[in-house]
Amino acid sequence: MPDLRRFDWTDLHPNERDAMVEWVRSLGYDPKDIAVRFAVTRDSAGRWAVHLTRHILDANGSLRLDVAADEVVSRPVVVETDPATWPAFLLTTTEETH
């Protein structure tokens, strides 16, 4: 059975947020472009992935708005990742779910 753990950056302690910022950068993304909610999953084969939502920016660097839907345009980002690269708090919280 797959594991799923959801997070919200606003619920993290400042040191955890700092660790997430560095980790997201290490994955090749600008943390300012990433939505506050994210998830970590493990599939039935044991592969771990982080699920991020990346906001799309316009030519001026502002969030692109889908006027018809009245929401920010975004794209899902799923990165298979080795838990050895995770911030320590992610290891602790995912171990609690097992």
PDB file of N, CA and C in Angstrom:
ATOM      1  N   MET A   1       0.835  -1.179   0.000  1.00  0.00           N
ATOM      2  CA  MET A   1       0.000   0.000   0.000  1.00  0.00           C
ATOM      3  C   MET A   1       0.883   1.247   0.000  1.00  0.00           C
ATOM      4  N   PRO A   2       0.628   2.201  -0.896  1.00  0.00           N
ATOM      5  CA  PRO A   2       1.461   3.402  -0.961  1.00  0.00           C
ATOM      6  C   PRO A   2       1.332   4.263   0.293  1.00  0.00           C
ATOM      7  N   ASP A   3       2.413   4.964   0.616  1.00  0.00           N
ATOM      8  CA  ASP A   3       2.432   5.912   1.727  1.00  0.00           C
ATOM      9  C   ASP A   3       2.236   7.311   1.173  1.00  0.00           C
ATOM     10  N   LEU A   4       1.526   8.146   1.919  1.00  0.00           N
ATOM     11  CA  LEU A   4       1.314   9.526   1.532  1.00  0.00           C
ATOM     12  C   LEU A   4       1.401  10.388   2.777  1.00  0.00           C
ATOM     13  N   ARG A   5       2.163  11.457   2.679  1.00  0.00           N
ATOM     14  CA  ARG A   5       2.248  12.414   3.777  1.00  0.00           C
ATOM     15  C   ARG A   5       2.182  13.806   3.169  1.00  0.00           C
ATOM     16  N   ARG A   6       1.220  14.610   3.612  1.00  0.00           N
ATOM     17  CA  ARG A   6       1.055  15.966   3.094  1.00  0.00           C
ATOM     18  C   ARG A   6       1.631  16.980   4.083  1.00  0.00           C
ATOM     19  N   PHE A   7       2.142  18.077   3.514  1.00  0.00           N
ATOM     20  CA  PHE A   7       2.751  19.140   4.310  1.00  0.00           C
ATOM     21  C   PHE A   7       2.283  20.499   3.798  1.00  0.00           C
ATOM     22  N   ASP A   8       2.397  21.481   4.657  1.00  0.00           N
ATOM     23  CA  ASP A   8       2.117  22.868   4.304  1.00  0.00           C
ATOM     24  C   ASP A   8       3.261  23.692   4.883  1.00  0.00           C
ATOM     25  N   TRP A   9       3.945  24.445   4.027  1.00  0.00           N
ATOM     26  CA  TRP A   9       5.106  25.211   4.476  1.00  0.00           C
ATOM     27  C   TRP A   9       4.747  26.124   5.639  1.00  0.00           C
ATOM     28  N   THR A  10       3.502  26.626   5.674  1.00  0.00           N
ATOM     29  CA  THR A  10       3.120  27.560   6.729  1.00  0.00           C
ATOM     30  C   THR A  10       3.009  26.878   8.083  1.00  0.00           C
ATOM     31  N   ASP A  11       2.907  25.549   8.102  1.00  0.00           N
ATOM     32  CA  ASP A  11       2.842  24.802   9.361  1.00  0.00           C
ATOM     33  C   ASP A  11       4.222  24.415   9.901  1.00  0.00           C
ATOM     34  N   LEU A  12       5.248  24.641   9.107  1.00  0.00           N
ATOM     35  CA  LEU A  12       6.595  24.226   9.502  1.00  0.00           C
ATOM     36  C   LEU A  12       7.231  25.248  10.440  1.00  0.00           C
ATOM     37  N   HIS A  13       8.088  24.760  11.316  1.00  0.00           N
ATOM     38  CA  HIS A  13       8.891  25.650  12.153  1.00  0.00           C
ATOM     39  C   HIS A  13       9.891  26.371  11.258  1.00  0.00           C
ATOM     40  N   PRO A  14      10.357  27.549  11.667  1.00  0.00           N
ATOM     41  CA  PRO A  14      11.292  28.301  10.821  1.00  0.00           C
ATOM     42  C   PRO A  14      12.509  27.492  10.364  1.00  0.00           C
ATOM     43  N   ASN A  15      13.091  26.689  11.253  1.00  0.00           N
ATOM     44  CA  ASN A  15      14.270  25.900  10.843  1.00  0.00           C
ATOM     45  C   ASN A  15      13.879  24.827   9.817  1.00  0.00           C
ATOM     46  N   GLU A  16      12.663  24.301   9.923  1.00  0.00           N
ATOM     47  CA  GLU A  16      12.183  23.322   8.937  1.00  0.00           C
ATOM     48  C   GLU A  16      11.947  23.999   7.588  1.00  0.00           C
ATOM     49  N   ARG A  17      11.383  25.203   7.607  1.00  0.00           N
ATOM     50  CA  ARG A  17      11.175  25.954   6.358  1.00  0.00           C
ATOM     51  C   ARG A  17      12.507  26.240   5.685  1.00  0.00           C
ATOM     52  N   ASP A  18      13.493  26.648   6.479  1.00  0.00           N
ATOM     53  CA  ASP A  18      14.824  26.910   5.923  1.00  0.00           C
ATOM     54  C   ASP A  18      15.393  25.655   5.261  1.00  0.00           C
ATOM     55  N   ALA A  19      15.224  24.518   5.924  1.00  0.00           N
ATOM     56  CA  ALA A  19      15.710  23.251   5.371  1.00  0.00           C
ATOM     57  C   ALA A  19      14.975  22.916   4.071  1.00  0.00           C
ATOM     58  N   MET A  20      13.675  23.174   4.028  1.00  0.00           N
ATOM     59  CA  MET A  20      12.903  22.910   2.807  1.00  0.00           C
ATOM     60  C   MET A  20      13.355  23.805   1.663  1.00  0.00           C
ATOM     61  N   VAL A  21      13.604  25.074   1.974  1.00  0.00           N
ATOM     62  CA  VAL A  21      14.070  26.015   0.944  1.00  0.00           C
ATOM     63  C   VAL A  21      15.352  25.486   0.313  1.00  0.00           C
ATOM     64  N   GLU A  22      16.290  25.079   1.139  1.00  0.00           N
ATOM     65  CA  GLU A  22      17.563  24.557   0.614  1.00  0.00           C
ATOM     66  C   GLU A  22      17.357  23.273  -0.180  1.00  0.00           C
ATOM     67  N   TRP A  23      16.483  22.407   0.302  1.00  0.00           N
ATOM     68  CA  TRP A  23      16.240  21.143  -0.391  1.00  0.00           C
ATOM     69  C   TRP A  23      15.577  21.378  -1.741  1.00  0.00           C
ATOM     70  N   VAL A  24      14.568  22.260  -1.782  1.00  0.00           N
ATOM     71  CA  VAL A  24      13.900  22.572  -3.052  1.00  0.00           C
ATOM     72  C   VAL A  24      14.901  23.163  -4.040  1.00  0.00           C
ATOM     73  N   ARG A  25      15.779  24.021  -3.546  1.00  0.00           N
ATOM     74  CA  ARG A  25      16.835  24.557  -4.424  1.00  0.00           C
ATOM     75  C   ARG A  25      17.726  23.436  -4.952  1.00  0.00           C
ATOM     76  N   SER A  26      18.056  22.474  -4.077  1.00  0.00           N
ATOM     77  CA  SER A  26      18.923  21.370  -4.513  1.00  0.00           C
ATOM     78  C   SER A  26      18.243  20.506  -5.577  1.00  0.00           C
ATOM     79  N   LEU A  27      16.911  20.540  -5.611  1.00  0.00           N
ATOM     80  CA  LEU A  27      16.164  19.814  -6.645  1.00  0.00           C
ATOM     81  C   LEU A  27      16.087  20.606  -7.951  1.00  0.00           C
ATOM     82  N   GLY A  28      16.586  21.846  -7.929  1.00  0.00           N
ATOM     83  CA  GLY A  28      16.626  22.663  -9.137  1.00  0.00           C
ATOM     84  C   GLY A  28      15.462  23.626  -9.297  1.00  0.00           C
ATOM     85  N   TYR A  29      14.733  23.908  -8.218  1.00  0.00           N
ATOM     86  CA  TYR A  29      13.584  24.803  -8.292  1.00  0.00           C
ATOM     87  C   TYR A  29      13.782  25.995  -7.362  1.00  0.00           C
ATOM     88  N   ASP A  30      13.209  27.122  -7.769  1.00  0.00           N
ATOM     89  CA  ASP A  30      13.228  28.319  -6.934  1.00  0.00           C
ATOM     90  C   ASP A  30      12.076  28.196  -5.943  1.00  0.00           C
ATOM     91  N   PRO A  31      12.352  28.178  -4.653  1.00  0.00           N
ATOM     92  CA  PRO A  31      11.291  28.020  -3.659  1.00  0.00           C
ATOM     93  C   PRO A  31      10.184  29.065  -3.759  1.00  0.00           C
ATOM     94  N   LYS A  32      10.496  30.250  -4.288  1.00  0.00           N
ATOM     95  CA  LYS A  32       9.471  31.290  -4.444  1.00  0.00           C
ATOM     96  C   LYS A  32       8.424  30.894  -5.478  1.00  0.00           C
ATOM     97  N   ASP A  33       8.764  29.950  -6.356  1.00  0.00           N
ATOM     98  CA  ASP A  33       7.844  29.513  -7.409  1.00  0.00           C
ATOM     99  C   ASP A  33       7.030  28.288  -7.000  1.00  0.00           C
ATOM    100  N   ILE A  34       7.233  27.803  -5.792  1.00  0.00           N
ATOM    101  CA  ILE A  34       6.599  26.559  -5.344  1.00  0.00           C
ATOM    102  C   ILE A  34       5.452  26.876  -4.380  1.00  0.00           C
ATOM    103  N   ALA A  35       4.324  26.196  -4.589  1.00  0.00           N
ATOM    104  CA  ALA A  35       3.160  26.376  -3.709  1.00  0.00           C
ATOM    105  C   ALA A  35       3.482  25.911  -2.292  1.00  0.00           C
ATOM    106  N   VAL A  36       2.708  26.392  -1.324  1.00  0.00           N
ATOM    107  CA  VAL A  36       2.989  26.087   0.078  1.00  0.00           C
ATOM    108  C   VAL A  36       2.646  24.650   0.453  1.00  0.00           C
ATOM    109  N   ARG A  37       1.778  23.994  -0.281  1.00  0.00           N
ATOM    110  CA  ARG A  37       1.417  22.614   0.046  1.00  0.00           C
ATOM    111  C   ARG A  37       2.206  21.655  -0.843  1.00  0.00           C
ATOM    112  N   PHE A  38       2.684  20.577  -0.227  1.00  0.00           N
ATOM    113  CA  PHE A  38       3.414  19.555  -0.979  1.00  0.00           C
ATOM    114  C   PHE A  38       3.187  18.212  -0.313  1.00  0.00           C
ATOM    115  N   ALA A  39       3.591  17.159  -1.001  1.00  0.00           N
ATOM    116  CA  ALA A  39       3.412  15.814  -0.463  1.00  0.00           C
ATOM    117  C   ALA A  39       4.648  14.979  -0.734  1.00  0.00           C
ATOM    118  N   VAL A  40       4.820  13.975   0.114  1.00  0.00           N
ATOM    119  CA  VAL A  40       5.864  12.974  -0.075  1.00  0.00           C
ATOM    120  C   VAL A  40       5.157  11.631  -0.134  1.00  0.00           C
ATOM    121  N   THR A  41       5.508  10.825  -1.130  1.00  0.00           N
ATOM    122  CA  THR A  41       4.865   9.522  -1.286  1.00  0.00           C
ATOM    123  C   THR A  41       5.906   8.416  -1.425  1.00  0.00           C
ATOM    124  N   ARG A  42       5.465   7.218  -1.105  1.00  0.00           N
ATOM    125  CA  ARG A  42       6.249   6.020  -1.384  1.00  0.00           C
ATOM    126  C   ARG A  42       5.300   5.043  -2.052  1.00  0.00           C
ATOM    127  N   ASP A  43       5.684   4.578  -3.245  1.00  0.00           N
ATOM    128  CA  ASP A  43       4.804   3.665  -3.965  1.00  0.00           C
ATOM    129  C   ASP A  43       5.000   2.231  -3.500  1.00  0.00           C
ATOM    130  N   SER A  44       4.234   1.323  -4.061  1.00  0.00           N
ATOM    131  CA  SER A  44       4.278  -0.079  -3.621  1.00  0.00           C
ATOM    132  C   SER A  44       5.615  -0.748  -3.912  1.00  0.00           C
ATOM    133  N   ALA A  45       6.411  -0.160  -4.816  1.00  0.00           N
ATOM    134  CA  ALA A  45       7.743  -0.693  -5.100  1.00  0.00           C
ATOM    135  C   ALA A  45       8.800  -0.093  -4.177  1.00  0.00           C
ATOM    136  N   GLY A  46       8.378   0.809  -3.274  1.00  0.00           N
ATOM    137  CA  GLY A  46       9.319   1.401  -2.329  1.00  0.00           C
ATOM    138  C   GLY A  46       9.999   2.665  -2.807  1.00  0.00           C
ATOM    139  N   ARG A  47       9.603   3.194  -3.983  1.00  0.00           N
ATOM    140  CA  ARG A  47      10.212   4.423  -4.505  1.00  0.00           C
ATOM    141  C   ARG A  47       9.555   5.637  -3.855  1.00  0.00           C
ATOM    142  N   TRP A  48      10.393   6.572  -3.411  1.00  0.00           N
ATOM    143  CA  TRP A  48       9.923   7.800  -2.784  1.00  0.00           C
ATOM    144  C   TRP A  48       9.891   8.927  -3.799  1.00  0.00           C
ATOM    145  N   ALA A  49       8.909   9.818  -3.660  1.00  0.00           N
ATOM    146  CA  ALA A  49       8.817  10.984  -4.534  1.00  0.00           C
ATOM    147  C   ALA A  49       8.277  12.164  -3.740  1.00  0.00           C
ATOM    148  N   VAL A  50       8.696  13.347  -4.147  1.00  0.00           N
ATOM    149  CA  VAL A  50       8.126  14.572  -3.603  1.00  0.00           C
ATOM    150  C   VAL A  50       7.238  15.162  -4.696  1.00  0.00           C
ATOM    151  N   HIS A  51       6.068  15.616  -4.295  1.00  0.00           N
ATOM    152  CA  HIS A  51       5.087  16.206  -5.211  1.00  0.00           C
ATOM    153  C   HIS A  51       4.960  17.684  -4.870  1.00  0.00           C
ATOM    154  N   LEU A  52       5.423  18.519  -5.791  1.00  0.00           N
ATOM    155  CA  LEU A  52       5.382  19.965  -5.625  1.00  0.00           C
ATOM    156  C   LEU A  52       4.453  20.560  -6.668  1.00  0.00           C
ATOM    157  N   THR A  53       4.010  21.770  -6.428  1.00  0.00           N
ATOM    158  CA  THR A  53       3.257  22.531  -7.419  1.00  0.00           C
ATOM    159  C   THR A  53       4.067  23.777  -7.726  1.00  0.00           C
ATOM    160  N   ARG A  54       4.436  23.901  -8.998  1.00  0.00           N
ATOM    161  CA  ARG A  54       5.263  25.034  -9.428  1.00  0.00           C
ATOM    162  C   ARG A  54       4.380  26.073 -10.104  1.00  0.00           C
ATOM    163  N   HIS A  55       4.397  27.296  -9.571  1.00  0.00           N
ATOM    164  CA  HIS A  55       3.644  28.384 -10.173  1.00  0.00           C
ATOM    165  C   HIS A  55       4.349  28.846 -11.442  1.00  0.00           C
ATOM    166  N   ILE A  56       3.564  29.163 -12.454  1.00  0.00           N
ATOM    167  CA  ILE A  56       4.104  29.670 -13.718  1.00  0.00           C
ATOM    168  C   ILE A  56       4.124  31.196 -13.643  1.00  0.00           C
ATOM    169  N   LEU A  57       5.243  31.775 -14.030  1.00  0.00           N
ATOM    170  CA  LEU A  57       5.422  33.224 -13.968  1.00  0.00           C
ATOM    171  C   LEU A  57       5.307  33.842 -15.357  1.00  0.00           C
ATOM    172  N   ASP A  58       4.878  35.101 -15.409  1.00  0.00           N
ATOM    173  CA  ASP A  58       4.819  35.812 -16.686  1.00  0.00           C
ATOM    174  C   ASP A  58       6.189  36.421 -16.992  1.00  0.00           C
ATOM    175  N   ALA A  59       6.285  37.156 -18.073  1.00  0.00           N
ATOM    176  CA  ALA A  59       7.559  37.737 -18.503  1.00  0.00           C
ATOM    177  C   ALA A  59       8.130  38.716 -17.481  1.00  0.00           C
ATOM    178  N   ASN A  60       7.278  39.269 -16.627  1.00  0.00           N
ATOM    179  CA  ASN A  60       7.735  40.219 -15.604  1.00  0.00           C
ATOM    180  C   ASN A  60       8.100  39.546 -14.292  1.00  0.00           C
ATOM    181  N   GLY A  61       7.967  38.217 -14.229  1.00  0.00           N
ATOM    182  CA  GLY A  61       8.280  37.495 -13.003  1.00  0.00           C
ATOM    183  C   GLY A  61       7.126  37.437 -12.014  1.00  0.00           C
ATOM    184  N   SER A  62       5.948  37.861 -12.442  1.00  0.00           N
ATOM    185  CA  SER A  62       4.762  37.802 -11.587  1.00  0.00           C
ATOM    186  C   SER A  62       4.020  36.500 -11.831  1.00  0.00           C
ATOM    187  N   LEU A  63       3.235  36.102 -10.849  1.00  0.00           N
ATOM    188  CA  LEU A  63       2.427  34.903 -11.019  1.00  0.00           C
ATOM    189  C   LEU A  63       1.476  35.092 -12.191  1.00  0.00           C
ATOM    190  N   ARG A  64       1.400  34.074 -13.040  1.00  0.00           N
ATOM    191  CA  ARG A  64       0.480  34.133 -14.177  1.00  0.00           C
ATOM    192  C   ARG A  64      -0.905  33.715 -13.696  1.00  0.00           C
ATOM    193  N   LEU A  65      -1.898  34.505 -14.011  1.00  0.00           N
ATOM    194  CA  LEU A  65      -3.258  34.248 -13.577  1.00  0.00           C
ATOM    195  C   LEU A  65      -4.093  33.728 -14.736  1.00  0.00           C
ATOM    196  N   ASP A  66      -4.797  32.634 -14.503  1.00  0.00           N
ATOM    197  CA  ASP A  66      -5.784  32.134 -15.455  1.00  0.00           C
ATOM    198  C   ASP A  66      -7.066  32.889 -15.139  1.00  0.00           C
ATOM    199  N   VAL A  67      -7.360  33.903 -15.926  1.00  0.00           N
ATOM    200  CA  VAL A  67      -8.477  34.795 -15.635  1.00  0.00           C
ATOM    201  C   VAL A  67      -9.802  34.043 -15.661  1.00  0.00           C
ATOM    202  N   ALA A  68      -9.966  33.120 -16.588  1.00  0.00           N
ATOM    203  CA  ALA A  68     -11.224  32.375 -16.685  1.00  0.00           C
ATOM    204  C   ALA A  68     -11.475  31.524 -15.443  1.00  0.00           C
ATOM    205  N   ALA A  69     -10.431  30.912 -14.920  1.00  0.00           N
ATOM    206  CA  ALA A  69     -10.569  30.055 -13.737  1.00  0.00           C
ATOM    207  C   ALA A  69     -10.344  30.821 -12.440  1.00  0.00           C
ATOM    208  N   ASP A  70      -9.864  32.068 -12.544  1.00  0.00           N
ATOM    209  CA  ASP A  70      -9.560  32.900 -11.380  1.00  0.00           C
ATOM    210  C   ASP A  70      -8.598  32.193 -10.423  1.00  0.00           C
ATOM    211  N   GLU A  71      -7.519  31.668 -11.006  1.00  0.00           N
ATOM    212  CA  GLU A  71      -6.502  31.015 -10.181  1.00  0.00           C
ATOM    213  C   GLU A  71      -5.143  31.155 -10.834  1.00  0.00           C
ATOM    214  N   VAL A  72      -4.127  30.971 -10.029  1.00  0.00           N
ATOM    215  CA  VAL A  72      -2.751  31.036 -10.512  1.00  0.00           C
ATOM    216  C   VAL A  72      -2.471  29.800 -11.371  1.00  0.00           C
ATOM    217  N   VAL A  73      -1.813  30.020 -12.498  1.00  0.00           N
ATOM    218  CA  VAL A  73      -1.435  28.909 -13.372  1.00  0.00           C
ATOM    219  C   VAL A  73      -0.276  28.170 -12.714  1.00  0.00           C
ATOM    220  N   SER A  74      -0.391  26.857 -12.653  1.00  0.00           N
ATOM    221  CA  SER A  74       0.664  26.063 -12.024  1.00  0.00           C
ATOM    222  C   SER A  74       0.790  24.723 -12.729  1.00  0.00           C
ATOM    223  N   ARG A  75       1.886  24.058 -12.436  1.00  0.00           N
ATOM    224  CA  ARG A  75       2.164  22.738 -13.001  1.00  0.00           C
ATOM    225  C   ARG A  75       2.641  21.818 -11.882  1.00  0.00           C
ATOM    226  N   PRO A  76       2.173  20.574 -11.917  1.00  0.00           N
ATOM    227  CA  PRO A  76       2.685  19.628 -10.923  1.00  0.00           C
ATOM    228  C   PRO A  76       4.122  19.239 -11.249  1.00  0.00           C
ATOM    229  N   VAL A  77       4.886  19.023 -10.211  1.00  0.00           N
ATOM    230  CA  VAL A  77       6.265  18.561 -10.341  1.00  0.00           C
ATOM    231  C   VAL A  77       6.409  17.348  -9.424  1.00  0.00           C
ATOM    232  N   VAL A  78       6.780  16.225 -10.000  1.00  0.00           N
ATOM    233  CA  VAL A  78       7.000  15.013  -9.214  1.00  0.00           C
ATOM    234  C   VAL A  78       8.452  14.601  -9.416  1.00  0.00           C
ATOM    235  N   VAL A  79       9.179  14.522  -8.305  1.00  0.00           N
ATOM    236  CA  VAL A  79      10.601  14.196  -8.362  1.00  0.00           C
ATOM    237  C   VAL A  79      10.852  12.957  -7.519  1.00  0.00           C
ATOM    238  N   GLU A  80      11.290  11.867  -8.178  1.00  0.00           N
ATOM    239  CA  GLU A  80      11.727  10.705  -7.393  1.00  0.00           C
ATOM    240  C   GLU A  80      12.965  11.124  -6.632  1.00  0.00           C
ATOM    241  N   THR A  81      13.008  10.751  -5.375  1.00  0.00           N
ATOM    242  CA  THR A  81      14.082  11.250  -4.530  1.00  0.00           C
ATOM    243  C   THR A  81      14.496  10.214  -3.492  1.00  0.00           C
ATOM    244  N   ASP A  82      15.733  10.288  -3.132  1.00  0.00           N
ATOM    245  CA  ASP A  82      16.302   9.401  -2.120  1.00  0.00           C
ATOM    246  C   ASP A  82      16.130  10.048  -0.747  1.00  0.00           C
ATOM    247  N   PRO A  83      15.491   9.364   0.201  1.00  0.00           N
ATOM    248  CA  PRO A  83      15.309   9.946   1.531  1.00  0.00           C
ATOM    249  C   PRO A  83      16.614  10.405   2.187  1.00  0.00           C
ATOM    250  N   ALA A  84      17.744   9.879   1.748  1.00  0.00           N
ATOM    251  CA  ALA A  84      19.023  10.309   2.320  1.00  0.00           C
ATOM    252  C   ALA A  84      19.296  11.786   2.031  1.00  0.00           C
ATOM    253  N   THR A  85      18.621  12.354   1.020  1.00  0.00           N
ATOM    254  CA  THR A  85      18.814  13.766   0.670  1.00  0.00           C
ATOM    255  C   THR A  85      17.800  14.683   1.335  1.00  0.00           C
ATOM    256  N   TRP A  86      16.843  14.122   2.047  1.00  0.00           N
ATOM    257  CA  TRP A  86      15.758  14.917   2.624  1.00  0.00           C
ATOM    258  C   TRP A  86      16.197  15.722   3.840  1.00  0.00           C
ATOM    259  N   PRO A  87      15.498  16.821   4.101  1.00  0.00           N
ATOM    260  CA  PRO A  87      15.686  17.491   5.391  1.00  0.00           C
ATOM    261  C   PRO A  87      15.293  16.530   6.515  1.00  0.00           C
ATOM    262  N   ALA A  88      15.964  16.623   7.639  1.00  0.00           N
ATOM    263  CA  ALA A  88      15.762  15.675   8.735  1.00  0.00           C
ATOM    264  C   ALA A  88      14.308  15.585   9.205  1.00  0.00           C
ATOM    265  N   PHE A  89      13.589  16.697   9.249  1.00  0.00           N
ATOM    266  CA  PHE A  89      12.219  16.641   9.753  1.00  0.00           C
ATOM    267  C   PHE A  89      11.312  15.803   8.860  1.00  0.00           C
ATOM    268  N   LEU A  90      11.604  15.739   7.555  1.00  0.00           N
ATOM    269  CA  LEU A  90      10.797  14.896   6.664  1.00  0.00           C
ATOM    270  C   LEU A  90      10.992  13.424   6.992  1.00  0.00           C
ATOM    271  N   LEU A  91      12.205  13.050   7.324  1.00  0.00           N
ATOM    272  CA  LEU A  91      12.465  11.661   7.703  1.00  0.00           C
ATOM    273  C   LEU A  91      11.677  11.294   8.947  1.00  0.00           C
ATOM    274  N   THR A  92      11.675  12.181   9.918  1.00  0.00           N
ATOM    275  CA  THR A  92      10.969  11.926  11.173  1.00  0.00           C
ATOM    276  C   THR A  92       9.471  11.804  10.948  1.00  0.00           C
ATOM    277  N   THR A  93       8.887  12.711  10.200  1.00  0.00           N
ATOM    278  CA  THR A  93       7.430  12.707  10.020  1.00  0.00           C
ATOM    279  C   THR A  93       6.981  11.556   9.140  1.00  0.00           C
ATOM    280  N   THR A  94       7.777  11.145   8.172  1.00  0.00           N
ATOM    281  CA  THR A  94       7.367  10.010   7.347  1.00  0.00           C
ATOM    282  C   THR A  94       7.542   8.714   8.097  1.00  0.00           C
ATOM    283  N   GLU A  95       8.518   8.608   8.996  1.00  0.00           N
ATOM    284  CA  GLU A  95       8.688   7.407   9.803  1.00  0.00           C
ATOM    285  C   GLU A  95       7.526   7.229  10.773  1.00  0.00           C
ATOM    286  N   GLU A  96       6.950   8.325  11.218  1.00  0.00           N
ATOM    287  CA  GLU A  96       5.809   8.270  12.135  1.00  0.00           C
ATOM    288  C   GLU A  96       4.578   7.629  11.493  1.00  0.00           C
ATOM    289  N   THR A  97       4.500   7.667  10.158  1.00  0.00           N
ATOM    290  CA  THR A  97       3.318   7.154   9.470  1.00  0.00           C
ATOM    291  C   THR A  97       3.429   5.651   9.211  1.00  0.00           C
ATOM    292  N   HIS A  98       4.544   5.032   9.544  1.00  0.00           N
ATOM    293  CA  HIS A  98       4.709   3.589   9.283  1.00  0.00           C
ATOM    294  C   HIS A  98       4.403   2.785  10.523  1.00  0.00           C
TER     295      HIS A  98
END
